[in-house]
Amino acid sequence: MNRIFTAGLEGEIHAYNIELKDVCKNEDMVHTGDILDLLPIPEMGYIASAGMDKKIALWYMDTLKLKHVFSLGHQHGVHTLDWYADMKMILSAGLDHDIYLWNP
């Protein structure tokens, strides 16, 4: 993977292609606030984003097209994502002090 992913204010995700010196961004504005974490999952071809809006979004890594939104669970913003490879699950930790597992 020769890409660098960034995110931040206003729900935008950018993918910078190092070799082509190109940038693309997500077209679907899922997050309504700051994105606090990005989690590349190269073995599945996804990147997950977590936001202050309590949502986790799953994107196709090569196009940044939206695959799925997980919005039922956290009561406050989601600040950390991790990949639980043994179970092929996304782990999220929120400002509500809860941890959830999500099936991508």
PDB file of N, CA and C in Angstrom:
ATOM      1  N   MET A   1       0.855  -1.171   0.000  1.00  0.00           N
ATOM      2  CA  MET A   1       0.000   0.000   0.000  1.00  0.00           C
ATOM      3  C   MET A   1       0.901   1.234   0.000  1.00  0.00           C
ATOM      4  N   ASN A   2       0.765   2.057  -0.973  1.00  0.00           N
ATOM      5  CA  ASN A   2       1.553   3.274  -1.097  1.00  0.00           C
ATOM      6  C   ASN A   2       0.675   4.496  -0.919  1.00  0.00           C
ATOM      7  N   ARG A   3      -0.155   4.448   0.111  1.00  0.00           N
ATOM      8  CA  ARG A   3      -1.060   5.552   0.376  1.00  0.00           C
ATOM      9  C   ARG A   3      -0.914   6.002   1.821  1.00  0.00           C
ATOM     10  N   ILE A   4      -1.147   7.280   2.019  1.00  0.00           N
ATOM     11  CA  ILE A   4      -1.230   7.846   3.360  1.00  0.00           C
ATOM     12  C   ILE A   4      -2.638   8.396   3.515  1.00  0.00           C
ATOM     13  N   PHE A   5      -3.309   8.021   4.603  1.00  0.00           N
ATOM     14  CA  PHE A   5      -4.667   8.461   4.866  1.00  0.00           C
ATOM     15  C   PHE A   5      -4.664   9.497   5.980  1.00  0.00           C
ATOM     16  N   THR A   6      -5.438  10.572   5.785  1.00  0.00           N
ATOM     17  CA  THR A   6      -5.601  11.588   6.816  1.00  0.00           C
ATOM     18  C   THR A   6      -7.081  11.918   6.963  1.00  0.00           C
ATOM     19  N   ALA A   7      -7.435  12.406   8.141  1.00  0.00           N
ATOM     20  CA  ALA A   7      -8.818  12.822   8.393  1.00  0.00           C
ATOM     21  C   ALA A   7      -8.801  13.850   9.506  1.00  0.00           C
ATOM     22  N   GLY A   8      -9.934  14.496   9.683  1.00  0.00           N
ATOM     23  CA  GLY A   8      -9.993  15.489  10.746  1.00  0.00           C
ATOM     24  C   GLY A   8     -11.337  16.172  10.806  1.00  0.00           C
ATOM     25  N   LEU A   9     -11.307  17.474  10.737  1.00  0.00           N
ATOM     26  CA  LEU A   9     -12.506  18.274  10.885  1.00  0.00           C
ATOM     27  C   LEU A   9     -13.491  18.046   9.747  1.00  0.00           C
ATOM     28  N   GLU A  10     -14.760  18.160  10.064  1.00  0.00           N
ATOM     29  CA  GLU A  10     -15.850  18.152   9.085  1.00  0.00           C
ATOM     30  C   GLU A  10     -15.993  16.850   8.309  1.00  0.00           C
ATOM     31  N   GLY A  11     -15.471  15.748   8.821  1.00  0.00           N
ATOM     32  CA  GLY A  11     -15.753  14.436   8.265  1.00  0.00           C
ATOM     33  C   GLY A  11     -15.074  14.070   6.970  1.00  0.00           C
ATOM     34  N   GLU A  12     -14.042  14.783   6.577  1.00  0.00           N
ATOM     35  CA  GLU A  12     -13.359  14.459   5.327  1.00  0.00           C
ATOM     36  C   GLU A  12     -12.189  13.510   5.565  1.00  0.00           C
ATOM     37  N   ILE A  13     -12.049  12.562   4.632  1.00  0.00           N
ATOM     38  CA  ILE A  13     -10.915  11.636   4.622  1.00  0.00           C
ATOM     39  C   ILE A  13     -10.177  11.849   3.311  1.00  0.00           C
ATOM     40  N   HIS A  14      -8.865  11.929   3.384  1.00  0.00           N
ATOM     41  CA  HIS A  14      -8.037  12.087   2.193  1.00  0.00           C
ATOM     42  C   HIS A  14      -7.083  10.905   2.082  1.00  0.00           C
ATOM     43  N   ALA A  15      -6.906  10.433   0.861  1.00  0.00           N
ATOM     44  CA  ALA A  15      -5.938   9.370   0.576  1.00  0.00           C
ATOM     45  C   ALA A  15      -4.918   9.935  -0.398  1.00  0.00           C
ATOM     46  N   TYR A  16      -3.670   9.966   0.036  1.00  0.00           N
ATOM     47  CA  TYR A  16      -2.584  10.476  -0.781  1.00  0.00           C
ATOM     48  C   TYR A  16      -1.813   9.299  -1.360  1.00  0.00           C
ATOM     49  N   ASN A  17      -1.775   9.226  -2.692  1.00  0.00           N
ATOM     50  CA  ASN A  17      -1.012   8.181  -3.370  1.00  0.00           C
ATOM     51  C   ASN A  17       0.409   8.696  -3.566  1.00  0.00           C
ATOM     52  N   ILE A  18       1.349   8.068  -2.911  1.00  0.00           N
ATOM     53  CA  ILE A  18       2.731   8.527  -2.908  1.00  0.00           C
ATOM     54  C   ILE A  18       3.367   8.389  -4.283  1.00  0.00           C
ATOM     55  N   GLU A  19       3.115   7.273  -4.959  1.00  0.00           N
ATOM     56  CA  GLU A  19       3.753   7.030  -6.258  1.00  0.00           C
ATOM     57  C   GLU A  19       3.204   7.947  -7.338  1.00  0.00           C
ATOM     58  N   LEU A  20       1.878   8.134  -7.369  1.00  0.00           N
ATOM     59  CA  LEU A  20       1.258   8.932  -8.431  1.00  0.00           C
ATOM     60  C   LEU A  20       1.166  10.412  -8.083  1.00  0.00           C
ATOM     61  N   LYS A  21       1.524  10.742  -6.849  1.00  0.00           N
ATOM     62  CA  LYS A  21       1.399  12.120  -6.364  1.00  0.00           C
ATOM     63  C   LYS A  21      -0.018  12.626  -6.608  1.00  0.00           C
ATOM     64  N   ASP A  22      -0.978  11.820  -6.171  1.00  0.00           N
ATOM     65  CA  ASP A  22      -2.392  12.085  -6.390  1.00  0.00           C
ATOM     66  C   ASP A  22      -3.112  12.050  -5.045  1.00  0.00           C
ATOM     67  N   VAL A  23      -4.245  12.708  -4.968  1.00  0.00           N
ATOM     68  CA  VAL A  23      -5.048  12.701  -3.741  1.00  0.00           C
ATOM     69  C   VAL A  23      -6.513  12.498  -4.112  1.00  0.00           C
ATOM     70  N   CYS A  24      -7.202  11.701  -3.310  1.00  0.00           N
ATOM     71  CA  CYS A  24      -8.650  11.589  -3.469  1.00  0.00           C
ATOM     72  C   CYS A  24      -9.282  11.746  -2.092  1.00  0.00           C
ATOM     73  N   LYS A  25     -10.570  12.082  -2.061  1.00  0.00           N
ATOM     74  CA  LYS A  25     -11.262  12.228  -0.784  1.00  0.00           C
ATOM     75  C   LYS A  25     -12.620  11.561  -0.876  1.00  0.00           C
ATOM     76  N   ASN A  26     -13.182  11.269   0.302  1.00  0.00           N
ATOM     77  CA  ASN A  26     -14.483  10.624   0.338  1.00  0.00           C
ATOM     78  C   ASN A  26     -15.556  11.583  -0.174  1.00  0.00           C
ATOM     79  N   GLU A  27     -16.517  11.030  -0.924  1.00  0.00           N
ATOM     80  CA  GLU A  27     -17.613  11.829  -1.453  1.00  0.00           C
ATOM     81  C   GLU A  27     -18.820  11.803  -0.519  1.00  0.00           C
ATOM     82  N   ASP A  28     -19.015  10.693   0.158  1.00  0.00           N
ATOM     83  CA  ASP A  28     -20.135  10.558   1.084  1.00  0.00           C
ATOM     84  C   ASP A  28     -19.747  11.184   2.415  1.00  0.00           C
ATOM     85  N   MET A  29     -20.447  12.212   2.799  1.00  0.00           N
ATOM     86  CA  MET A  29     -20.155  12.880   4.068  1.00  0.00           C
ATOM     87  C   MET A  29     -20.977  12.211   5.163  1.00  0.00           C
ATOM     88  N   VAL A  30     -20.416  11.173   5.743  1.00  0.00           N
ATOM     89  CA  VAL A  30     -21.089  10.381   6.768  1.00  0.00           C
ATOM     90  C   VAL A  30     -20.950  11.030   8.133  1.00  0.00           C
ATOM     91  N   HIS A  31     -19.734  11.433   8.459  1.00  0.00           N
ATOM     92  CA  HIS A  31     -19.479  12.013   9.782  1.00  0.00           C
ATOM     93  C   HIS A  31     -19.931  13.469   9.800  1.00  0.00           C
ATOM     94  N   THR A  32     -20.601  13.838  10.874  1.00  0.00           N
ATOM     95  CA  THR A  32     -21.092  15.212  11.013  1.00  0.00           C
ATOM     96  C   THR A  32     -20.200  16.037  11.933  1.00  0.00           C
ATOM     97  N   GLY A  33     -19.071  15.503  12.296  1.00  0.00           N
ATOM     98  CA  GLY A  33     -18.122  16.214  13.149  1.00  0.00           C
ATOM     99  C   GLY A  33     -16.729  15.706  12.902  1.00  0.00           C
ATOM    100  N   ASP A  34     -15.857  15.948  13.858  1.00  0.00           N
ATOM    101  CA  ASP A  34     -14.461  15.555  13.735  1.00  0.00           C
ATOM    102  C   ASP A  34     -14.304  14.041  13.638  1.00  0.00           C
ATOM    103  N   ILE A  35     -13.377  13.604  12.794  1.00  0.00           N
ATOM    104  CA  ILE A  35     -12.961  12.202  12.753  1.00  0.00           C
ATOM    105  C   ILE A  35     -11.773  12.073  13.689  1.00  0.00           C
ATOM    106  N   LEU A  36     -11.891  11.158  14.654  1.00  0.00           N
ATOM    107  CA  LEU A  36     -10.866  11.024  15.685  1.00  0.00           C
ATOM    108  C   LEU A  36      -9.856   9.915  15.409  1.00  0.00           C
ATOM    109  N   ASP A  37     -10.220   8.927  14.580  1.00  0.00           N
ATOM    110  CA  ASP A  37      -9.294   7.832  14.310  1.00  0.00           C
ATOM    111  C   ASP A  37      -9.586   7.225  12.953  1.00  0.00           C
ATOM    112  N   LEU A  38      -8.526   6.747  12.307  1.00  0.00           N
ATOM    113  CA  LEU A  38      -8.626   5.978  11.067  1.00  0.00           C
ATOM    114  C   LEU A  38      -7.934   4.643  11.289  1.00  0.00           C
ATOM    115  N   LEU A  39      -8.514   3.588  10.735  1.00  0.00           N
ATOM    116  CA  LEU A  39      -7.949   2.253  10.876  1.00  0.00           C
ATOM    117  C   LEU A  39      -7.883   1.572   9.510  1.00  0.00           C
ATOM    118  N   PRO A  40      -6.714   1.531   8.872  1.00  0.00           N
ATOM    119  CA  PRO A  40      -6.583   0.759   7.636  1.00  0.00           C
ATOM    120  C   PRO A  40      -6.639  -0.741   7.943  1.00  0.00           C
ATOM    121  N   ILE A  41      -7.394  -1.467   7.132  1.00  0.00           N
ATOM    122  CA  ILE A  41      -7.477  -2.925   7.242  1.00  0.00           C
ATOM    123  C   ILE A  41      -7.114  -3.483   5.858  1.00  0.00           C
ATOM    124  N   PRO A  42      -5.824  -3.477   5.520  1.00  0.00           N
ATOM    125  CA  PRO A  42      -5.408  -3.832   4.163  1.00  0.00           C
ATOM    126  C   PRO A  42      -5.803  -5.236   3.730  1.00  0.00           C
ATOM    127  N   GLU A  43      -5.807  -6.202   4.654  1.00  0.00           N
ATOM    128  CA  GLU A  43      -6.132  -7.572   4.250  1.00  0.00           C
ATOM    129  C   GLU A  43      -7.582  -7.723   3.797  1.00  0.00           C
ATOM    130  N   MET A  44      -8.435  -6.757   4.151  1.00  0.00           N
ATOM    131  CA  MET A  44      -9.822  -6.786   3.695  1.00  0.00           C
ATOM    132  C   MET A  44     -10.118  -5.684   2.680  1.00  0.00           C
ATOM    133  N   GLY A  45      -9.158  -4.788   2.473  1.00  0.00           N
ATOM    134  CA  GLY A  45      -9.352  -3.712   1.504  1.00  0.00           C
ATOM    135  C   GLY A  45     -10.218  -2.577   2.023  1.00  0.00           C
ATOM    136  N   TYR A  46     -10.279  -2.401   3.336  1.00  0.00           N
ATOM    137  CA  TYR A  46     -11.120  -1.371   3.948  1.00  0.00           C
ATOM    138  C   TYR A  46     -10.289  -0.398   4.767  1.00  0.00           C
ATOM    139  N   ILE A  47     -10.900   0.749   5.029  1.00  0.00           N
ATOM    140  CA  ILE A  47     -10.404   1.671   6.041  1.00  0.00           C
ATOM    141  C   ILE A  47     -11.627   2.094   6.855  1.00  0.00           C
ATOM    142  N   ALA A  48     -11.476   2.097   8.167  1.00  0.00           N
ATOM    143  CA  ALA A  48     -12.579   2.475   9.058  1.00  0.00           C
ATOM    144  C   ALA A  48     -12.280   3.841   9.657  1.00  0.00           C
ATOM    145  N   SER A  49     -13.334   4.615   9.878  1.00  0.00           N
ATOM    146  CA  SER A  49     -13.193   5.925  10.509  1.00  0.00           C
ATOM    147  C   SER A  49     -14.112   5.989  11.721  1.00  0.00           C
ATOM    148  N   ALA A  50     -13.649   6.709  12.751  1.00  0.00           N
ATOM    149  CA  ALA A  50     -14.420   6.871  13.982  1.00  0.00           C
ATOM    150  C   ALA A  50     -14.547   8.360  14.273  1.00  0.00           C
ATOM    151  N   GLY A  51     -15.744   8.759  14.730  1.00  0.00           N
ATOM    152  CA  GLY A  51     -15.947  10.188  14.912  1.00  0.00           C
ATOM    153  C   GLY A  51     -16.628  10.589  16.201  1.00  0.00           C
ATOM    154  N   MET A  52     -16.602  11.889  16.433  1.00  0.00           N
ATOM    155  CA  MET A  52     -17.281  12.484  17.580  1.00  0.00           C
ATOM    156  C   MET A  52     -18.796  12.311  17.480  1.00  0.00           C
ATOM    157  N   ASP A  53     -19.295  12.010  16.298  1.00  0.00           N
ATOM    158  CA  ASP A  53     -20.733  11.854  16.082  1.00  0.00           C
ATOM    159  C   ASP A  53     -21.253  10.465  16.457  1.00  0.00           C
ATOM    160  N   LYS A  54     -20.423   9.647  17.119  1.00  0.00           N
ATOM    161  CA  LYS A  54     -20.776   8.303  17.599  1.00  0.00           C
ATOM    162  C   LYS A  54     -20.811   7.259  16.495  1.00  0.00           C
ATOM    163  N   LYS A  55     -20.362   7.601  15.304  1.00  0.00           N
ATOM    164  CA  LYS A  55     -20.423   6.683  14.164  1.00  0.00           C
ATOM    165  C   LYS A  55     -19.055   6.096  13.837  1.00  0.00           C
ATOM    166  N   ILE A  56     -19.115   4.890  13.280  1.00  0.00           N
ATOM    167  CA  ILE A  56     -17.954   4.246  12.674  1.00  0.00           C
ATOM    168  C   ILE A  56     -18.350   3.970  11.228  1.00  0.00           C
ATOM    169  N   ALA A  57     -17.531   4.424  10.306  1.00  0.00           N
ATOM    170  CA  ALA A  57     -17.820   4.210   8.886  1.00  0.00           C
ATOM    171  C   ALA A  57     -16.753   3.301   8.300  1.00  0.00           C
ATOM    172  N   LEU A  58     -17.179   2.445   7.396  1.00  0.00           N
ATOM    173  CA  LEU A  58     -16.277   1.521   6.714  1.00  0.00           C
ATOM    174  C   LEU A  58     -16.242   1.907   5.242  1.00  0.00           C
ATOM    175  N   TRP A  59     -15.028   2.115   4.731  1.00  0.00           N
ATOM    176  CA  TRP A  59     -14.817   2.593   3.364  1.00  0.00           C
ATOM    177  C   TRP A  59     -13.976   1.587   2.590  1.00  0.00           C
ATOM    178  N   TYR A  60     -14.201   1.539   1.273  1.00  0.00           N
ATOM    179  CA  TYR A  60     -13.302   0.768   0.417  1.00  0.00           C
ATOM    180  C   TYR A  60     -11.994   1.548   0.300  1.00  0.00           C
ATOM    181  N   MET A  61     -10.898   0.899   0.609  1.00  0.00           N
ATOM    182  CA  MET A  61      -9.615   1.574   0.699  1.00  0.00           C
ATOM    183  C   MET A  61      -9.167   2.178  -0.635  1.00  0.00           C
ATOM    184  N   ASP A  62      -9.437   1.501  -1.748  1.00  0.00           N
ATOM    185  CA  ASP A  62      -8.914   1.978  -3.035  1.00  0.00           C
ATOM    186  C   ASP A  62      -9.692   3.147  -3.619  1.00  0.00           C
ATOM    187  N   THR A  63     -10.978   3.315  -3.233  1.00  0.00           N
ATOM    188  CA  THR A  63     -11.803   4.374  -3.823  1.00  0.00           C
ATOM    189  C   THR A  63     -12.366   5.370  -2.811  1.00  0.00           C
ATOM    190  N   LEU A  64     -12.306   5.040  -1.524  1.00  0.00           N
ATOM    191  CA  LEU A  64     -12.948   5.809  -0.448  1.00  0.00           C
ATOM    192  C   LEU A  64     -14.462   5.900  -0.638  1.00  0.00           C
ATOM    193  N   LYS A  65     -15.031   4.910  -1.295  1.00  0.00           N
ATOM    194  CA  LYS A  65     -16.489   4.802  -1.387  1.00  0.00           C
ATOM    195  C   LYS A  65     -17.002   4.126  -0.116  1.00  0.00           C
ATOM    196  N   LEU A  66     -18.148   4.553   0.336  1.00  0.00           N
ATOM    197  CA  LEU A  66     -18.725   4.046   1.581  1.00  0.00           C
ATOM    198  C   LEU A  66     -19.221   2.618   1.420  1.00  0.00           C
ATOM    199  N   LYS A  67     -18.886   1.759   2.382  1.00  0.00           N
ATOM    200  CA  LYS A  67     -19.388   0.393   2.420  1.00  0.00           C
ATOM    201  C   LYS A  67     -20.504   0.259   3.446  1.00  0.00           C
ATOM    202  N   HIS A  68     -20.271   0.777   4.672  1.00  0.00           N
ATOM    203  CA  HIS A  68     -21.261   0.591   5.739  1.00  0.00           C
ATOM    204  C   HIS A  68     -21.029   1.616   6.849  1.00  0.00           C
ATOM    205  N   VAL A  69     -22.101   1.943   7.576  1.00  0.00           N
ATOM    206  CA  VAL A  69     -22.008   2.820   8.744  1.00  0.00           C
ATOM    207  C   VAL A  69     -22.545   2.067   9.950  1.00  0.00           C
ATOM    208  N   PHE A  70     -21.763   2.033  11.008  1.00  0.00           N
ATOM    209  CA  PHE A  70     -22.191   1.476  12.292  1.00  0.00           C
ATOM    210  C   PHE A  70     -22.554   2.657  13.188  1.00  0.00           C
ATOM    211  N   SER A  71     -23.810   2.790  13.550  1.00  0.00           N
ATOM    212  CA  SER A  71     -24.226   3.958  14.327  1.00  0.00           C
ATOM    213  C   SER A  71     -24.994   3.611  15.596  1.00  0.00           C
ATOM    214  N   LEU A  72     -25.274   2.353  15.815  1.00  0.00           N
ATOM    215  CA  LEU A  72     -25.991   1.948  17.026  1.00  0.00           C
ATOM    216  C   LEU A  72     -24.997   1.348  18.007  1.00  0.00           C
ATOM    217  N   GLY A  73     -24.786   1.996  19.107  1.00  0.00           N
ATOM    218  CA  GLY A  73     -23.850   1.475  20.088  1.00  0.00           C
ATOM    219  C   GLY A  73     -23.355   2.560  21.019  1.00  0.00           C
ATOM    220  N   HIS A  74     -22.340   3.278  20.590  1.00  0.00           N
ATOM    221  CA  HIS A  74     -21.723   4.277  21.457  1.00  0.00           C
ATOM    222  C   HIS A  74     -22.686   5.430  21.738  1.00  0.00           C
ATOM    223  N   GLN A  75     -22.656   5.896  22.976  1.00  0.00           N
ATOM    224  CA  GLN A  75     -23.502   7.013  23.401  1.00  0.00           C
ATOM    225  C   GLN A  75     -22.786   8.359  23.276  1.00  0.00           C
ATOM    226  N   HIS A  76     -21.458   8.307  23.115  1.00  0.00           N
ATOM    227  CA  HIS A  76     -20.641   9.505  22.924  1.00  0.00           C
ATOM    228  C   HIS A  76     -19.648   9.205  21.810  1.00  0.00           C
ATOM    229  N   GLY A  77     -18.795  10.144  21.504  1.00  0.00           N
ATOM    230  CA  GLY A  77     -17.850   9.984  20.404  1.00  0.00           C
ATOM    231  C   GLY A  77     -16.991   8.728  20.507  1.00  0.00           C
ATOM    232  N   VAL A  78     -16.566   8.246  19.350  1.00  0.00           N
ATOM    233  CA  VAL A  78     -15.692   7.070  19.265  1.00  0.00           C
ATOM    234  C   VAL A  78     -14.282   7.584  19.026  1.00  0.00           C
ATOM    235  N   HIS A  79     -13.362   7.278  19.955  1.00  0.00           N
ATOM    236  CA  HIS A  79     -12.035   7.871  19.826  1.00  0.00           C
ATOM    237  C   HIS A  79     -10.948   6.909  19.372  1.00  0.00           C
ATOM    238  N   THR A  80     -11.165   5.588  19.455  1.00  0.00           N
ATOM    239  CA  THR A  80     -10.106   4.654  19.081  1.00  0.00           C
ATOM    240  C   THR A  80     -10.677   3.441  18.360  1.00  0.00           C
ATOM    241  N   LEU A  81      -9.983   3.021  17.308  1.00  0.00           N
ATOM    242  CA  LEU A  81     -10.315   1.799  16.582  1.00  0.00           C
ATOM    243  C   LEU A  81      -9.098   0.887  16.562  1.00  0.00           C
ATOM    244  N   ASP A  82      -9.366  -0.418  16.565  1.00  0.00           N
ATOM    245  CA  ASP A  82      -8.290  -1.394  16.414  1.00  0.00           C
ATOM    246  C   ASP A  82      -8.848  -2.582  15.649  1.00  0.00           C
ATOM    247  N   TRP A  83      -7.965  -3.359  15.050  1.00  0.00           N
ATOM    248  CA  TRP A  83      -8.354  -4.533  14.257  1.00  0.00           C
ATOM    249  C   TRP A  83      -8.030  -5.782  15.060  1.00  0.00           C
ATOM    250  N   TYR A  84      -9.034  -6.575  15.341  1.00  0.00           N
ATOM    251  CA  TYR A  84      -8.882  -7.834  16.066  1.00  0.00           C
ATOM    252  C   TYR A  84      -8.788  -8.930  15.015  1.00  0.00           C
ATOM    253  N   ALA A  85      -7.567  -9.217  14.576  1.00  0.00           N
ATOM    254  CA  ALA A  85      -7.329 -10.086  13.416  1.00  0.00           C
ATOM    255  C   ALA A  85      -7.823 -11.516  13.627  1.00  0.00           C
ATOM    256  N   ASP A  86      -7.686 -12.060  14.840  1.00  0.00           N
ATOM    257  CA  ASP A  86      -8.102 -13.439  15.093  1.00  0.00           C
ATOM    258  C   ASP A  86      -9.580 -13.657  14.783  1.00  0.00           C
ATOM    259  N   MET A  87     -10.401 -12.677  15.091  1.00  0.00           N
ATOM    260  CA  MET A  87     -11.847 -12.790  14.868  1.00  0.00           C
ATOM    261  C   MET A  87     -12.318 -12.002  13.649  1.00  0.00           C
ATOM    262  N   LYS A  88     -11.385 -11.290  13.002  1.00  0.00           N
ATOM    263  CA  LYS A  88     -11.728 -10.419  11.873  1.00  0.00           C
ATOM    264  C   LYS A  88     -12.843  -9.439  12.262  1.00  0.00           C
ATOM    265  N   MET A  89     -12.599  -8.731  13.359  1.00  0.00           N
ATOM    266  CA  MET A  89     -13.568  -7.774  13.895  1.00  0.00           C
ATOM    267  C   MET A  89     -12.877  -6.438  14.172  1.00  0.00           C
ATOM    268  N   ILE A  90     -13.655  -5.362  14.069  1.00  0.00           N
ATOM    269  CA  ILE A  90     -13.181  -4.035  14.444  1.00  0.00           C
ATOM    270  C   ILE A  90     -13.553  -3.813  15.905  1.00  0.00           C
ATOM    271  N   LEU A  91     -12.601  -3.347  16.673  1.00  0.00           N
ATOM    272  CA  LEU A  91     -12.831  -3.017  18.072  1.00  0.00           C
ATOM    273  C   LEU A  91     -12.875  -1.498  18.179  1.00  0.00           C
ATOM    274  N   SER A  92     -13.891  -0.962  18.869  1.00  0.00           N
ATOM    275  CA  SER A  92     -13.987   0.481  19.045  1.00  0.00           C
ATOM    276  C   SER A  92     -14.082   0.822  20.525  1.00  0.00           C
ATOM    277  N   ALA A  93     -13.440   1.924  20.898  1.00  0.00           N
ATOM    278  CA  ALA A  93     -13.517   2.439  22.265  1.00  0.00           C
ATOM    279  C   ALA A  93     -14.043   3.865  22.181  1.00  0.00           C
ATOM    280  N   GLY A  94     -15.009   4.162  23.045  1.00  0.00           N
ATOM    281  CA  GLY A  94     -15.651   5.463  22.975  1.00  0.00           C
ATOM    282  C   GLY A  94     -15.453   6.310  24.212  1.00  0.00           C
ATOM    283  N   LEU A  95     -15.834   7.562  24.084  1.00  0.00           N
ATOM    284  CA  LEU A  95     -15.788   8.490  25.208  1.00  0.00           C
ATOM    285  C   LEU A  95     -16.823   8.139  26.271  1.00  0.00           C
ATOM    286  N   ASP A  96     -17.697   7.186  25.966  1.00  0.00           N
ATOM    287  CA  ASP A  96     -18.677   6.686  26.935  1.00  0.00           C
ATOM    288  C   ASP A  96     -18.090   5.563  27.795  1.00  0.00           C
ATOM    289  N   HIS A  97     -16.792   5.257  27.607  1.00  0.00           N
ATOM    290  CA  HIS A  97     -16.065   4.213  28.344  1.00  0.00           C
ATOM    291  C   HIS A  97     -16.543   2.814  27.976  1.00  0.00           C
ATOM    292  N   ASP A  98     -17.154   2.658  26.822  1.00  0.00           N
ATOM    293  CA  ASP A  98     -17.609   1.353  26.340  1.00  0.00           C
ATOM    294  C   ASP A  98     -16.715   0.896  25.202  1.00  0.00           C
ATOM    295  N   ILE A  99     -16.623  -0.432  25.058  1.00  0.00           N
ATOM    296  CA  ILE A  99     -15.885  -1.058  23.963  1.00  0.00           C
ATOM    297  C   ILE A  99     -16.863  -1.945  23.203  1.00  0.00           C
ATOM    298  N   TYR A 100     -16.811  -1.876  21.885  1.00  0.00           N
ATOM    299  CA  TYR A 100     -17.680  -2.683  21.039  1.00  0.00           C
ATOM    300  C   TYR A 100     -16.848  -3.431  20.003  1.00  0.00           C
ATOM    301  N   LEU A 101     -17.367  -4.578  19.560  1.00  0.00           N
ATOM    302  CA  LEU A 101     -16.802  -5.306  18.424  1.00  0.00           C
ATOM    303  C   LEU A 101     -17.790  -5.208  17.276  1.00  0.00           C
ATOM    304  N   TRP A 102     -17.249  -4.978  16.074  1.00  0.00           N
ATOM    305  CA  TRP A 102     -18.066  -4.807  14.877  1.00  0.00           C
ATOM    306  C   TRP A 102     -17.583  -5.764  13.802  1.00  0.00           C
ATOM    307  N   ASN A 103     -18.533  -6.357  13.089  1.00  0.00           N
ATOM    308  CA  ASN A 103     -18.220  -7.281  12.000  1.00  0.00           C
ATOM    309  C   ASN A 103     -18.258  -6.524  10.685  1.00  0.00           C
ATOM    310  N   PRO A 104     -17.085  -6.356  10.054  1.00  0.00           N
ATOM    311  CA  PRO A 104     -17.073  -5.588   8.803  1.00  0.00           C
ATOM    312  C   PRO A 104     -17.676  -6.366   7.652  1.00  0.00           C
TER     313      PRO A 104
END
